[in-house]
Amino acid sequence: MMSKMGILEIAAGGLAGAVFSFLFVISSRLVSVVTNLLATISEQGQLGPNK
């Protein structure tokens, strides 16, 4: 299947994979950081309607 594709299509697929991987790692780290911050704030009692 790959032999029927040209060099530009293969390069575009590789670039798309690299960009997706980069964005996936960044977004998962962002979710992790926000979760930890919310847990810390919640533990200190600064989160919720009864501050």
N, C-alpha and C. Protein backbone atom coordinates (compact mmCIF):
# COMPACT_ATOMS: atom_id res chain seq x y z
N MET A 1 0.82 -1.19 0.00
CA MET A 1 0.00 0.00 0.00
C MET A 1 0.87 1.26 0.00
N MET A 2 1.93 1.25 0.75
CA MET A 2 2.81 2.43 0.81
C MET A 2 3.53 2.67 -0.52
N SER A 3 3.75 1.61 -1.30
CA SER A 3 4.47 1.79 -2.56
C SER A 3 3.64 2.55 -3.59
N LYS A 4 2.34 2.59 -3.42
CA LYS A 4 1.48 3.30 -4.36
C LYS A 4 1.38 4.79 -4.03
N MET A 5 1.96 5.20 -2.92
CA MET A 5 1.92 6.61 -2.51
C MET A 5 3.21 7.29 -2.93
N GLY A 6 3.11 8.58 -3.16
CA GLY A 6 4.29 9.35 -3.52
C GLY A 6 5.02 9.83 -2.29
N ILE A 7 6.15 10.45 -2.53
CA ILE A 7 6.99 10.92 -1.44
C ILE A 7 6.30 12.03 -0.65
N LEU A 8 5.53 12.88 -1.32
CA LEU A 8 4.85 13.97 -0.62
C LEU A 8 3.75 13.45 0.30
N GLU A 9 3.04 12.42 -0.13
CA GLU A 9 1.99 11.86 0.70
C GLU A 9 2.56 11.19 1.94
N ILE A 10 3.67 10.48 1.77
CA ILE A 10 4.32 9.81 2.90
C ILE A 10 4.87 10.85 3.86
N ALA A 11 5.49 11.91 3.34
CA ALA A 11 6.02 12.98 4.18
C ALA A 11 4.90 13.70 4.92
N ALA A 12 3.78 13.92 4.25
CA ALA A 12 2.65 14.58 4.90
C ALA A 12 2.09 13.71 6.01
N GLY A 13 2.03 12.42 5.80
CA GLY A 13 1.57 11.51 6.85
C GLY A 13 2.50 11.51 8.05
N GLY A 14 3.79 11.53 7.80
CA GLY A 14 4.76 11.59 8.90
C GLY A 14 4.67 12.90 9.67
N LEU A 15 4.52 14.00 8.94
CA LEU A 15 4.39 15.30 9.60
C LEU A 15 3.11 15.38 10.41
N ALA A 16 2.02 14.86 9.86
CA ALA A 16 0.75 14.86 10.59
C ALA A 16 0.86 14.01 11.85
N GLY A 17 1.53 12.89 11.76
CA GLY A 17 1.73 12.04 12.94
C GLY A 17 2.56 12.73 14.01
N ALA A 18 3.59 13.44 13.59
CA ALA A 18 4.44 14.15 14.54
C ALA A 18 3.69 15.29 15.22
N VAL A 19 2.91 16.04 14.45
CA VAL A 19 2.13 17.15 15.02
C VAL A 19 1.07 16.62 15.97
N PHE A 20 0.40 15.52 15.59
CA PHE A 20 -0.60 14.92 16.47
C PHE A 20 0.03 14.46 17.77
N SER A 21 1.17 13.80 17.69
CA SER A 21 1.84 13.33 18.90
C SER A 21 2.23 14.49 19.81
N PHE A 22 2.76 15.55 19.22
CA PHE A 22 3.14 16.72 20.00
C PHE A 22 1.94 17.34 20.71
N LEU A 23 0.85 17.54 19.97
CA LEU A 23 -0.35 18.13 20.57
C LEU A 23 -0.97 17.21 21.62
N PHE A 24 -0.91 15.92 21.40
CA PHE A 24 -1.45 14.96 22.36
C PHE A 24 -0.68 15.02 23.67
N VAL A 25 0.63 15.07 23.60
CA VAL A 25 1.46 15.14 24.81
C VAL A 25 1.21 16.45 25.55
N ILE A 26 1.16 17.56 24.83
CA ILE A 26 0.94 18.86 25.45
C ILE A 26 -0.43 18.91 26.12
N SER A 27 -1.46 18.43 25.44
CA SER A 27 -2.81 18.48 26.02
C SER A 27 -2.94 17.55 27.21
N SER A 28 -2.31 16.38 27.17
CA SER A 28 -2.40 15.48 28.32
C SER A 28 -1.65 16.05 29.52
N ARG A 29 -0.55 16.71 29.29
CA ARG A 29 0.18 17.36 30.39
C ARG A 29 -0.64 18.51 30.97
N LEU A 30 -1.32 19.25 30.12
CA LEU A 30 -2.16 20.36 30.58
C LEU A 30 -3.29 19.84 31.47
N VAL A 31 -3.92 18.76 31.07
CA VAL A 31 -4.98 18.16 31.88
C VAL A 31 -4.42 17.69 33.21
N SER A 32 -3.25 17.11 33.20
CA SER A 32 -2.62 16.64 34.43
C SER A 32 -2.32 17.79 35.38
N VAL A 33 -1.80 18.89 34.85
CA VAL A 33 -1.48 20.05 35.69
C VAL A 33 -2.74 20.66 36.29
N VAL A 34 -3.78 20.82 35.48
CA VAL A 34 -5.03 21.40 35.97
C VAL A 34 -5.66 20.51 37.03
N THR A 35 -5.61 19.20 36.84
CA THR A 35 -6.16 18.27 37.82
C THR A 35 -5.42 18.39 39.15
N ASN A 36 -4.11 18.47 39.10
CA ASN A 36 -3.34 18.60 40.34
C ASN A 36 -3.61 19.93 41.02
N LEU A 37 -3.74 21.01 40.25
CA LEU A 37 -4.04 22.30 40.84
C LEU A 37 -5.42 22.30 41.51
N LEU A 38 -6.40 21.70 40.86
CA LEU A 38 -7.73 21.63 41.45
C LEU A 38 -7.74 20.78 42.72
N ALA A 39 -6.98 19.70 42.73
CA ALA A 39 -6.90 18.87 43.93
C ALA A 39 -6.25 19.63 45.07
N THR A 40 -5.23 20.39 44.78
CA THR A 40 -4.56 21.17 45.83
C THR A 40 -5.48 22.26 46.37
N ILE A 41 -6.16 22.95 45.49
CA ILE A 41 -7.08 24.01 45.92
C ILE A 41 -8.24 23.42 46.71
N SER A 42 -8.74 22.28 46.29
CA SER A 42 -9.84 21.62 46.98
C SER A 42 -9.41 21.17 48.37
N GLU A 43 -8.18 20.68 48.47
CA GLU A 43 -7.66 20.21 49.77
C GLU A 43 -7.52 21.38 50.74
N GLN A 44 -7.20 22.54 50.26
CA GLN A 44 -7.04 23.71 51.11
C GLN A 44 -8.37 24.35 51.46
N GLY A 45 -9.44 23.89 50.86
CA GLY A 45 -10.77 24.42 51.16
C GLY A 45 -11.10 25.70 50.45
N GLN A 46 -10.41 26.01 49.38
CA GLN A 46 -10.65 27.26 48.66
C GLN A 46 -11.56 27.06 47.46
N LEU A 47 -12.09 25.87 47.27
CA LEU A 47 -12.90 25.57 46.11
C LEU A 47 -14.29 25.19 46.57
N GLY A 48 -15.29 25.75 45.95
CA GLY A 48 -16.67 25.40 46.28
C GLY A 48 -17.44 26.60 46.76
N PRO A 49 -18.75 26.41 47.02
CA PRO A 49 -19.59 27.54 47.40
C PRO A 49 -19.33 28.08 48.81
N ASN A 50 -18.79 27.26 49.70
CA ASN A 50 -18.53 27.72 51.08
C ASN A 50 -17.04 27.94 51.28
N LYS A 51 -16.54 29.01 50.70
CA LYS A 51 -15.11 29.33 50.77
C LYS A 51 -14.66 29.64 52.14
